[in-house]
Amino acid sequence: MNILDLGDLHLHWREDGEPSGRPVVFANSLGTDFRMWDKLIPRLPQGLRLIRYDLRGHGLSACPTGPYSMGALIRDAERLLDALKVRDCVFVGLSIGGLIAQGLAVKRLDLVRAMVLSNTAAKIGTAQMWSDRIAAIRAGGIEAIGDAMMERWFSKTFRATPEMRAYRNMLTRQPVEGYAGCAAAISGTDFITPTSGLTLPTLAIAGSEDGATPPDLVRETSDLIRGARFHLIRGAGHLPPVDKPADYAAVLTGFLTAIGHV
């Protein structure tokens, strides 16, 4: 177990693969921890340095009092990579992790040579939508939105599996303060203009059954970035590394190979 002490924050992180290899960094979605990448990691090519971490307020990372800003979440990632002496990584961000990827690429191109924007967008939802969700979990806990989120995250087929129960537990066991804090960060984020100025190699991934960030929304963000590639994983929901790990590994490996990172 690795805990990075940043002074004002402790971040839980993990490294797999080859310490001297080219780095790939993973940032997870709202309401999950870095275990959401567990089925993907062993399917990726040998020789890579694979780094993942729990966002503030999630998993085993510290949970400061919210609300959080997107700038703070981006700064968390930046400080982690600086501490681990990471340069020129491929940053794979899913959902809120994809917003962090965009912001980090705008701020620190020395850290990020390419990015994967998975099940995300330059702007996700509306301020009212996020305000309503935050109010619901403050009133009734994350349990109050558990069933609705499973419908948004996963296809009907995956929701019938025992594994879905584990992800529902993962969601509902996150700290309310951490979930609400990160939800507030998403609510206040509109990266349409800064993202449209990015030119680094980019792969956008969508799931055909994603009820949280539908394929058209992901494609709109992909279209903002010159030369970005878009890939739709059929049958996948909001978390394709969970419900379609082999498909996800194949498209990610193809991208890493195409840009010379493997």
Protein backbone atom coordinates (compact mmCIF):
# COMPACT_ATOMS: atom_id res chain seq x y z
CA MET A 1 0.00 0.00 0.00
CA ASN A 2 1.47 3.34 -1.10
CA ILE A 3 0.43 6.62 0.52
CA LEU A 4 1.88 9.88 -0.79
CA ASP A 5 2.04 12.65 1.83
CA LEU A 6 1.48 15.96 0.09
CA GLY A 7 1.28 17.89 3.33
CA ASP A 8 -2.33 18.98 3.01
CA LEU A 9 -3.46 15.68 1.49
CA HIS A 10 -2.61 11.97 1.48
CA LEU A 11 -3.10 10.13 -1.82
CA HIS A 12 -3.34 6.35 -2.16
CA TRP A 13 -1.58 5.10 -5.28
CA ARG A 14 -0.30 1.90 -6.83
CA GLU A 15 2.27 0.99 -9.43
CA ASP A 16 2.36 -2.17 -11.56
CA GLY A 17 4.52 -3.31 -14.42
CA GLU A 18 8.07 -2.19 -15.15
CA PRO A 19 9.38 0.72 -12.99
CA SER A 20 11.69 1.85 -15.81
CA GLY A 21 9.01 1.50 -18.49
CA ARG A 22 7.07 4.21 -20.25
CA PRO A 23 4.39 5.50 -17.89
CA VAL A 24 0.64 5.15 -18.26
CA VAL A 25 -1.40 6.85 -15.55
CA PHE A 26 -5.03 6.04 -14.76
CA ALA A 27 -7.61 8.30 -13.07
CA ASN A 28 -10.92 6.70 -12.11
CA SER A 29 -14.52 7.83 -12.17
CA LEU A 30 -16.67 9.55 -9.57
CA GLY A 31 -17.80 7.01 -6.98
CA THR A 32 -15.11 4.38 -7.64
CA ASP A 33 -11.56 3.69 -6.53
CA PHE A 34 -8.58 2.43 -8.49
CA ARG A 35 -9.77 -1.18 -8.30
CA MET A 36 -11.96 -0.37 -11.30
CA TRP A 37 -8.81 -0.93 -13.43
CA ASP A 38 -8.03 -4.36 -11.91
CA LYS A 39 -9.19 -6.44 -14.90
CA LEU A 40 -7.48 -4.14 -17.41
CA ILE A 41 -3.97 -3.95 -15.95
CA PRO A 42 -2.93 -7.61 -16.58
CA ARG A 43 -4.20 -7.37 -20.16
CA LEU A 44 -1.84 -4.54 -21.14
CA PRO A 45 1.56 -5.06 -22.81
CA GLN A 46 4.59 -5.98 -20.75
CA GLY A 47 7.21 -3.33 -20.05
CA LEU A 48 4.93 -0.40 -19.19
CA ARG A 49 4.95 1.51 -15.91
CA LEU A 50 1.28 1.48 -14.86
CA ILE A 51 0.29 4.01 -12.19
CA ARG A 52 -3.17 4.51 -10.68
CA TYR A 53 -4.45 6.43 -7.69
CA ASP A 54 -7.58 7.14 -5.68
CA LEU A 55 -8.97 10.63 -6.15
CA ARG A 56 -9.25 12.78 -3.04
CA GLY A 57 -12.37 11.78 -1.12
CA HIS A 58 -12.34 8.30 -2.67
CA GLY A 59 -10.92 4.89 -1.79
CA LEU A 60 -8.06 5.09 0.69
CA SER A 61 -7.04 8.66 -0.15
CA ALA A 62 -7.77 11.42 2.35
CA CYS A 63 -11.19 13.05 2.33
CA PRO A 64 -10.85 16.79 2.97
CA THR A 65 -13.92 18.89 3.63
CA GLY A 66 -15.53 19.89 0.33
CA PRO A 67 -16.57 21.23 -2.02
CA TYR A 68 -13.52 20.64 -4.22
CA SER A 69 -12.50 22.55 -7.32
CA MET A 70 -11.40 20.92 -10.54
CA GLY A 71 -8.19 22.90 -10.19
CA ALA A 72 -7.48 21.10 -6.90
CA LEU A 73 -8.08 17.69 -8.49
CA ILE A 74 -5.76 18.55 -11.37
CA ARG A 75 -3.17 19.78 -8.88
CA ASP A 76 -3.43 16.46 -6.99
CA ALA A 77 -2.55 14.56 -10.18
CA GLU A 78 0.23 17.01 -11.00
CA ARG A 79 1.82 16.66 -7.55
CA LEU A 80 1.56 12.87 -7.69
CA LEU A 81 3.34 12.70 -11.04
CA ASP A 82 6.00 15.17 -9.95
CA ALA A 83 6.61 13.15 -6.77
CA LEU A 84 6.92 9.92 -8.79
CA LYS A 85 9.20 11.69 -11.33
CA VAL A 86 6.84 10.92 -14.19
CA ARG A 87 7.27 12.71 -17.50
CA ASP A 88 5.68 12.15 -20.91
CA CYS A 89 2.99 9.79 -19.68
CA VAL A 90 -0.15 8.65 -21.42
CA PHE A 91 -2.91 9.80 -19.07
CA VAL A 92 -6.03 7.63 -19.14
CA GLY A 93 -8.95 9.40 -17.48
CA LEU A 94 -12.44 7.98 -17.16
CA SER A 95 -15.43 10.27 -16.44
CA ILE A 96 -14.17 12.85 -13.90
CA GLY A 97 -10.73 11.36 -14.57
CA GLY A 98 -11.13 12.52 -18.18
CA LEU A 99 -11.75 16.08 -17.02
CA ILE A 100 -8.58 15.85 -14.94
CA ALA A 101 -6.73 14.58 -18.03
CA GLN A 102 -7.87 17.56 -20.09
CA GLY A 103 -6.96 20.08 -17.42
CA LEU A 104 -3.57 18.50 -16.79
CA ALA A 105 -2.76 18.46 -20.51
CA VAL A 106 -3.59 22.16 -20.77
CA LYS A 107 -1.43 22.96 -17.73
CA ARG A 108 1.53 20.56 -17.96
CA LEU A 109 2.40 19.19 -21.39
CA ASP A 110 5.75 18.12 -19.97
CA LEU A 111 3.84 15.53 -17.94
CA VAL A 112 1.38 14.34 -20.59
CA ARG A 113 2.40 13.31 -24.11
CA ALA A 114 -0.96 11.73 -25.00
CA MET A 115 -4.32 11.19 -23.35
CA VAL A 116 -7.22 8.78 -23.38
CA LEU A 117 -10.58 10.44 -22.70
CA SER A 118 -12.81 7.59 -21.67
CA ASN A 119 -16.55 7.97 -21.08
CA THR A 120 -16.14 11.66 -20.43
CA ALA A 121 -16.61 15.09 -21.98
CA ALA A 122 -15.33 18.65 -21.84
CA LYS A 123 -18.48 19.51 -19.88
CA ILE A 124 -20.55 16.88 -18.06
CA GLY A 125 -24.13 17.58 -17.05
CA THR A 126 -25.62 20.83 -15.75
CA ALA A 127 -25.15 22.74 -12.53
CA GLN A 128 -28.75 21.95 -11.56
CA MET A 129 -28.30 18.23 -12.16
CA TRP A 130 -25.24 18.12 -9.92
CA SER A 131 -26.91 20.30 -7.29
CA ASP A 132 -29.86 17.90 -7.16
CA ARG A 133 -27.58 14.87 -6.85
CA ILE A 134 -25.51 16.43 -4.08
CA ALA A 135 -28.71 17.31 -2.20
CA ALA A 136 -29.97 13.74 -2.59
CA ILE A 137 -26.85 12.13 -1.14
CA ARG A 138 -26.58 14.65 1.68
CA ALA A 139 -30.17 13.84 2.60
CA GLY A 140 -30.13 10.07 2.17
CA GLY A 141 -26.51 9.00 1.71
CA ILE A 142 -25.07 7.56 -1.51
CA GLU A 143 -27.42 4.59 -1.03
CA ALA A 144 -30.20 6.94 -2.15
CA ILE A 145 -28.77 7.04 -5.68
CA GLY A 146 -27.28 3.52 -5.78
CA ASP A 147 -29.82 1.81 -8.04
CA ALA A 148 -30.10 4.79 -10.39
CA MET A 149 -26.34 4.94 -10.80
CA MET A 150 -26.08 1.25 -11.62
CA GLU A 151 -28.59 1.81 -14.44
CA ARG A 152 -26.49 4.70 -15.72
CA TRP A 153 -23.20 2.83 -15.37
CA PHE A 154 -23.97 -0.65 -16.68
CA SER A 155 -25.95 -2.49 -19.32
CA LYS A 156 -28.91 -4.63 -18.31
CA THR A 157 -26.80 -7.73 -18.97
CA PHE A 158 -24.02 -6.69 -16.60
CA ARG A 159 -26.49 -5.57 -13.94
CA ALA A 160 -27.67 -9.18 -13.73
CA THR A 161 -24.20 -10.40 -12.68
CA PRO A 162 -22.89 -10.75 -9.11
CA GLU A 163 -20.02 -8.40 -10.02
CA MET A 164 -22.45 -5.51 -10.33
CA ARG A 165 -23.18 -5.86 -6.59
CA ALA A 166 -19.51 -5.27 -5.83
CA TYR A 167 -19.53 -2.03 -7.81
CA ARG A 168 -22.72 -0.90 -6.13
CA ASN A 169 -20.98 -1.50 -2.80
CA MET A 170 -17.91 0.37 -4.01
CA LEU A 171 -20.09 3.34 -4.89
CA THR A 172 -22.17 3.43 -1.72
CA ARG A 173 -19.14 3.00 0.56
CA GLN A 174 -17.37 6.09 -0.74
CA PRO A 175 -17.49 9.02 1.72
CA VAL A 176 -20.45 11.32 1.13
CA GLU A 177 -18.15 14.30 1.57
CA GLY A 178 -15.74 12.98 -1.06
CA TYR A 179 -18.46 12.17 -3.58
CA ALA A 180 -20.20 15.50 -3.06
CA GLY A 181 -16.90 17.37 -3.19
CA CYS A 182 -15.93 15.85 -6.54
CA ALA A 183 -19.47 16.29 -7.90
CA ALA A 184 -19.17 19.99 -7.13
CA ALA A 185 -15.90 20.08 -9.07
CA ILE A 186 -17.59 18.55 -12.12
CA SER A 187 -20.50 20.96 -11.80
CA GLY A 188 -18.19 23.95 -12.07
CA THR A 189 -16.12 22.68 -15.00
CA ASP A 190 -16.45 23.69 -18.63
CA PHE A 191 -13.34 22.80 -20.61
CA ILE A 192 -14.79 23.27 -24.10
CA THR A 193 -12.57 26.25 -24.92
CA PRO A 194 -9.25 25.06 -23.40
CA THR A 195 -9.70 21.52 -24.72
CA SER A 196 -10.33 22.83 -28.23
CA GLY A 197 -6.79 24.23 -28.19
CA LEU A 198 -5.14 20.87 -27.46
CA THR A 199 -3.22 19.05 -30.21
CA LEU A 200 -1.61 16.12 -28.39
CA PRO A 201 -2.43 12.54 -29.52
CA THR A 202 -5.83 11.66 -28.10
CA LEU A 203 -8.08 8.62 -28.04
CA ALA A 204 -11.70 9.06 -26.98
CA ILE A 205 -13.55 5.91 -25.87
CA ALA A 206 -17.32 5.58 -25.44
CA GLY A 207 -19.61 2.75 -24.38
CA SER A 208 -22.76 2.12 -26.41
CA GLU A 209 -24.76 1.50 -23.21
CA ASP A 210 -23.35 4.43 -21.22
CA GLY A 211 -26.16 6.36 -19.54
CA ALA A 212 -23.86 8.85 -17.80
CA THR A 213 -21.78 10.13 -20.74
CA PRO A 214 -23.50 8.85 -23.89
CA PRO A 215 -21.44 8.21 -27.05
CA ASP A 216 -22.57 11.42 -28.79
CA LEU A 217 -21.29 13.49 -25.86
CA VAL A 218 -17.91 11.74 -25.95
CA ARG A 219 -17.71 12.19 -29.71
CA GLU A 220 -18.42 15.93 -29.39
CA THR A 221 -15.41 16.26 -27.10
CA SER A 222 -13.26 14.15 -29.42
CA ASP A 223 -14.19 16.49 -32.26
CA LEU A 224 -12.76 19.44 -30.33
CA ILE A 225 -9.21 18.03 -30.53
CA ARG A 226 -7.45 18.02 -33.87
CA GLY A 227 -6.56 14.50 -34.94
CA ALA A 228 -8.28 12.77 -32.00
CA ARG A 229 -9.50 9.23 -32.57
CA PHE A 230 -12.93 8.04 -31.43
CA HIS A 231 -13.76 4.43 -30.58
CA LEU A 232 -17.12 2.98 -29.55
CA ILE A 233 -17.14 -0.21 -27.48
CA ARG A 234 -20.42 -1.96 -28.15
CA GLY A 235 -22.20 -3.46 -25.18
CA ALA A 236 -20.13 -1.42 -22.72
CA GLY A 237 -21.55 0.97 -20.16
CA HIS A 238 -19.92 3.88 -18.34
CA LEU A 239 -17.06 1.71 -17.03
CA PRO A 240 -15.78 -0.36 -19.97
CA PRO A 241 -12.62 -1.49 -18.14
CA VAL A 242 -15.05 -3.28 -15.82
CA ASP A 243 -17.65 -4.76 -18.17
CA LYS A 244 -15.56 -5.07 -21.37
CA PRO A 245 -11.92 -5.29 -20.18
CA ALA A 246 -10.64 -7.33 -23.15
CA ASP A 247 -12.14 -4.90 -25.67
CA TYR A 248 -10.82 -1.95 -23.70
CA ALA A 249 -7.34 -3.43 -23.47
CA ALA A 250 -7.29 -4.05 -27.22
CA VAL A 251 -8.19 -0.49 -28.19
CA LEU A 252 -5.86 1.03 -25.58
CA THR A 253 -2.98 -1.20 -26.66
CA GLY A 254 -3.61 -0.27 -30.28
CA PHE A 255 -3.39 3.43 -29.39
CA LEU A 256 -0.25 2.99 -27.28
CA THR A 257 1.37 1.11 -30.15
CA ALA A 258 0.33 3.65 -32.77
CA ILE A 259 1.91 6.54 -30.85
CA GLY A 260 5.09 4.58 -30.13
CA HIS A 261 4.52 4.23 -26.38
CA VAL A 262 4.90 0.44 -26.44
